[in-house]
Protein backbone atom coordinates (compact mmCIF):
# COMPACT_ATOMS: atom_id res chain seq x y z
CA MET A 1 43.90 28.60 -29.72
CA ASP A 2 44.44 25.19 -28.43
CA PHE A 3 43.53 22.84 -31.18
CA LYS A 4 42.14 20.47 -29.40
CA PHE A 5 39.11 22.91 -28.33
CA ALA A 6 38.71 23.96 -31.56
CA LYS A 7 37.96 20.29 -33.11
CA ASP A 8 35.39 19.53 -29.80
CA ARG A 9 33.85 23.06 -31.08
CA TYR A 10 33.57 21.92 -34.60
CA ASP A 11 32.26 18.45 -34.09
CA TYR A 12 29.21 19.91 -31.13
CA GLU A 13 28.61 21.91 -33.52
CA LEU A 14 27.88 19.37 -35.66
CA GLN A 15 26.25 17.68 -33.48
CA ARG A 16 23.88 20.48 -32.61
CA LYS A 17 22.85 20.50 -36.26
CA GLU A 18 21.17 17.07 -35.66
CA GLN A 19 19.50 18.19 -32.52
CA LEU A 20 17.93 21.04 -33.96
CA THR A 21 17.01 18.99 -36.95
CA GLY A 22 15.33 16.45 -34.52
CA ALA A 23 13.98 18.97 -32.74
CA LEU A 24 11.76 19.86 -35.75
CA MET A 25 9.57 16.64 -36.00
CA LEU A 26 7.76 17.11 -32.70
CA PRO A 27 5.61 19.99 -33.51
CA MET A 28 5.16 18.87 -36.97
CA THR A 29 3.13 16.08 -35.87
CA ALA A 30 1.62 18.22 -33.23
CA LEU A 31 0.80 20.56 -36.05
CA SER A 32 -0.29 17.86 -38.22
CA ILE A 33 -2.82 16.87 -35.18
CA LEU A 34 -4.42 20.27 -34.59
CA GLY A 35 -4.85 21.20 -38.04
CA GLY A 36 -6.41 17.95 -38.50
CA ALA A 37 -9.12 18.45 -35.17
CA LEU A 38 -9.39 22.09 -36.87
CA ILE A 39 -10.85 20.85 -40.07
CA ALA A 40 -13.13 18.68 -38.43
CA MET A 41 -14.36 21.11 -36.07
CA ALA A 42 -14.58 23.52 -39.25
CA ARG A 43 -16.68 21.33 -41.00
CA SER A 44 -19.20 19.36 -38.56
CA PHE A 45 -19.63 23.15 -37.19
CA SER A 46 -23.78 23.45 -37.32
CA TYR A 47 -23.60 27.52 -38.03
CA GLN A 48 -27.44 28.01 -36.13
CA ASP A 49 -26.45 30.94 -33.83
CA ASP A 50 -25.57 34.03 -34.94
CA LEU A 51 -22.96 35.10 -31.75
CA LEU A 52 -21.66 31.58 -31.74
CA ASN A 53 -21.55 31.80 -35.18
CA THR A 54 -18.65 35.15 -34.43
CA PHE A 55 -17.17 33.71 -31.77
CA PHE A 56 -15.86 30.31 -33.40
CA GLY A 57 -15.30 32.35 -36.89
CA SER A 58 -13.35 34.32 -35.43
CA LEU A 59 -10.96 32.10 -33.50
CA ILE A 60 -10.62 29.57 -36.48
CA VAL A 61 -8.98 32.83 -38.22
CA LEU A 62 -6.75 33.68 -36.04
CA ASP A 63 -5.91 29.75 -35.15
CA VAL A 64 -5.09 29.71 -39.45
CA VAL A 65 -3.22 32.75 -39.07
CA ALA A 66 -1.23 31.06 -36.55
CA TYR A 67 -0.66 27.91 -38.01
CA PHE A 68 1.00 29.28 -40.98
CA VAL A 69 3.09 31.10 -39.33
CA CYS A 70 4.10 28.70 -37.62
CA LEU A 71 4.52 26.73 -40.69
CA VAL A 72 6.52 28.94 -41.92
CA TYR A 73 9.26 29.07 -39.15
CA LEU A 74 9.32 25.48 -39.07
CA GLY A 75 10.20 25.52 -42.40
CA ARG A 76 12.65 28.05 -42.49
CA ALA A 77 14.53 26.37 -39.59
CA TYR A 78 14.48 23.06 -41.82
CA HIS A 79 15.41 24.43 -44.66
CA ARG A 80 18.04 26.82 -43.19
CA GLN A 81 20.88 23.44 -43.12
CA LYS A 82 23.98 24.90 -44.84
CA TYR A 83 26.96 23.97 -42.54
CA ILE A 84 30.46 24.02 -43.32
CA TYR A 85 32.53 21.38 -43.48
CA LEU A 86 36.15 20.13 -43.14
CA PRO A 87 37.82 19.61 -46.18
CA LEU A 88 37.90 15.70 -47.62
CA LEU A 89 41.09 14.03 -46.51
CA LYS A 90 41.89 12.56 -49.41
CA GLU A 91 42.47 16.71 -50.08
CA LEU A 92 44.07 17.51 -46.92
CA ASP A 93 46.46 14.61 -47.24
CA GLU A 94 47.46 16.21 -50.95
CA TRP A 95 47.83 19.39 -49.38
CA GLU A 96 49.95 18.07 -46.96
CA GLU A 97 52.14 16.82 -49.12
CA GLU A 98 52.75 19.78 -51.30
CA TYR A 99 52.86 21.89 -47.88
CA HIS A 100 55.51 19.49 -46.91
CA GLN A 101 57.30 20.54 -50.17
CA PHE A 102 56.95 24.53 -49.90
CA MET A 103 58.67 23.97 -46.09
CA SER A 104 61.62 21.98 -47.55
CA TYR A 105 61.71 24.69 -50.01
CA VAL A 106 61.82 27.61 -47.53
CA GLU A 107 63.97 25.91 -44.85
CA SER A 108 66.55 25.57 -47.87
CA THR A 109 66.55 28.83 -48.70
CA GLY A 110 66.74 29.79 -44.92
CA GLY A 111 63.80 30.65 -43.86
CA HIS A 112 61.28 29.06 -41.54
CA ALA A 113 57.56 28.14 -42.12
CA PRO A 114 55.02 27.03 -40.30
CA GLY A 115 53.67 23.72 -39.40
CA THR A 116 50.53 21.63 -41.34
CA GLU A 117 48.66 22.06 -37.74
CA GLN A 118 48.19 25.97 -37.85
CA PRO A 119 46.83 26.06 -41.34
CA VAL A 120 44.03 23.22 -40.58
CA LEU A 121 43.34 25.07 -37.37
CA GLU A 122 42.40 28.02 -39.30
CA ARG A 123 40.10 25.90 -41.59
CA ILE A 124 38.59 24.03 -38.36
CA ILE A 125 37.71 28.02 -36.80
CA ASP A 126 36.36 29.25 -39.67
CA ALA A 127 33.87 26.29 -40.18
CA ALA A 128 32.98 25.74 -36.35
CA ASP A 129 31.71 29.68 -36.52
CA ARG A 130 30.00 29.64 -39.45
CA ASN A 131 27.82 26.67 -37.89
CA THR A 132 27.66 28.56 -34.24
CA ARG A 133 25.90 31.30 -36.17
CA ASN A 134 24.07 29.04 -38.53
CA ASN A 135 22.85 26.56 -35.55
CA ASP A 136 21.90 30.12 -33.79
CA ALA A 137 19.69 31.15 -36.64
CA ARG A 138 18.04 27.78 -36.51
CA SER A 139 17.77 27.93 -32.90
CA GLY A 140 15.63 31.22 -32.93
CA LEU A 141 13.63 29.95 -35.76
CA LEU A 142 12.66 27.32 -34.13
CA HIS A 143 11.28 28.98 -30.45
CA TRP A 144 9.01 31.04 -32.43
CA ALA A 145 8.16 28.46 -34.57
CA ARG A 146 7.25 26.43 -30.52
CA VAL A 147 5.16 30.02 -29.75
CA ALA A 148 3.42 30.01 -32.67
CA LEU A 149 2.63 26.23 -32.20
CA PHE A 150 1.57 27.06 -28.32
CA THR A 151 -0.46 29.97 -29.79
CA VAL A 152 -2.18 26.96 -31.88
CA LEU A 153 -2.90 24.77 -29.37
CA VAL A 154 -4.82 27.40 -27.33
CA LEU A 155 -6.70 29.39 -30.17
CA THR A 156 -7.81 25.23 -31.04
CA ALA A 157 -8.06 24.69 -27.05
CA PHE A 158 -11.26 27.86 -26.95
CA ALA A 159 -12.42 26.22 -30.86
CA GLY A 160 -13.32 23.52 -28.90
CA ILE A 161 -15.17 24.90 -26.10
CA ALA A 162 -17.27 26.73 -28.89
CA TYR A 163 -17.95 23.63 -30.96
CA VAL A 164 -18.99 21.62 -28.18
CA VAL A 165 -21.58 24.63 -27.25
CA ASP A 166 -22.56 24.17 -30.51
CA GLN A 167 -22.67 20.22 -30.79
CA VAL A 168 -25.08 20.25 -27.62
CA ARG A 169 -26.89 23.01 -28.35
CA PHE A 170 -27.49 22.00 -32.28
CA ALA A 171 -25.87 19.05 -33.64
CA MET A 172 -27.12 16.27 -30.94
CA PRO A 173 -30.17 14.44 -31.70
CA ARG A 174 -32.70 15.53 -29.26
CA PRO A 175 -35.67 12.79 -27.67
CA GLU A 176 -38.69 13.31 -29.68
CA PRO A 177 -42.06 13.91 -27.38
CA THR A 178 -44.20 11.22 -26.83
CA THR A 179 -47.74 11.62 -27.43
CA PRO A 180 -49.20 9.33 -24.03
CA ALA A 181 -51.30 6.17 -25.08
CA PRO A 182 -55.24 6.25 -24.77
CA GLN A 183 -56.02 4.89 -21.12
CA PRO A 184 -59.14 2.24 -21.91
CA GLN A 185 -61.80 3.45 -20.33
CA PRO A 186 -63.32 1.35 -17.82
CA GLN A 187 -66.26 -1.06 -18.88
CA ASN A 188 -69.49 -0.76 -16.92
CA THR A 189 -70.04 -4.17 -15.84
CA THR A 190 -73.36 -2.71 -13.96
CA PRO A 191 -75.83 -5.55 -14.72
CA GLN A 192 -78.47 -3.93 -17.55
CA PRO A 193 -82.82 -4.66 -16.48
CA PRO A 194 -84.56 -6.69 -19.11
CA PRO A 195 -86.40 -5.19 -20.90
CA ALA A 196 -89.89 -4.73 -21.52
CA PRO A 197 -92.54 -7.46 -23.64
CA PRO A 198 -93.31 -6.04 -27.14
CA ASN A 199 -96.53 -4.31 -27.59
CA ARG A 200 -99.25 -6.01 -29.01
CA GLU A 201 -100.68 -5.50 -33.11
CA ILE A 202 -104.10 -6.24 -33.39
CA ARG A 203 -106.25 -6.37 -37.09
CA GLU A 204 -109.72 -5.50 -36.74
CA GLY A 205 -111.69 -9.00 -38.16
CA ASP A 206 -108.78 -11.18 -37.45
CA SER A 207 -108.92 -14.54 -35.70
CA GLY A 208 -106.53 -13.50 -32.89
CA PRO A 209 -103.69 -11.07 -31.98
CA ARG A 210 -100.34 -10.37 -33.82
CA ARG A 211 -97.32 -9.76 -33.07
CA PRO A 212 -94.87 -7.40 -34.82
């Protein structure tokens, strides 16, 4: 196998590792936002209608299950970061010096020893293959995490519809019926006739009449 091809593949898998780690941030952020919305709706729901309660409660239970499934997949994808790296440069340098001494000894005895490139190539191939398998596994976990996140999004949307219906029917303040103000009675403007003169009271023997 070509040495440059193997080295490029090794570098590509390490770059892919960083891309997979960065791809976890968006689902984590979306999951945090949806979890906050879910808690807010569950706390402020009025729970006054049995049918609506059953529908909303079922969605919340399924939503919580999908939420934790997504969280598990994201956690596994994040923590599965066991990668293989090439030896340190100092170690390679010391090995190369020892290997040259070995080659000199073999050649002095009439034998033939392979160059230093082949052992390093084997290390690169082993590391690249191990990292490829690990990246493939993390990619699969991230895929199922996104599927679970989409499920959380859909269930939260339906729960939001039930929440809006509940708020409109029960939680929003309703205007109180107002009692119509009493209408003023029209005053009678018809002029009243003058009262009749009072009666006279006369006691016998008095000098004159007396008014009551």
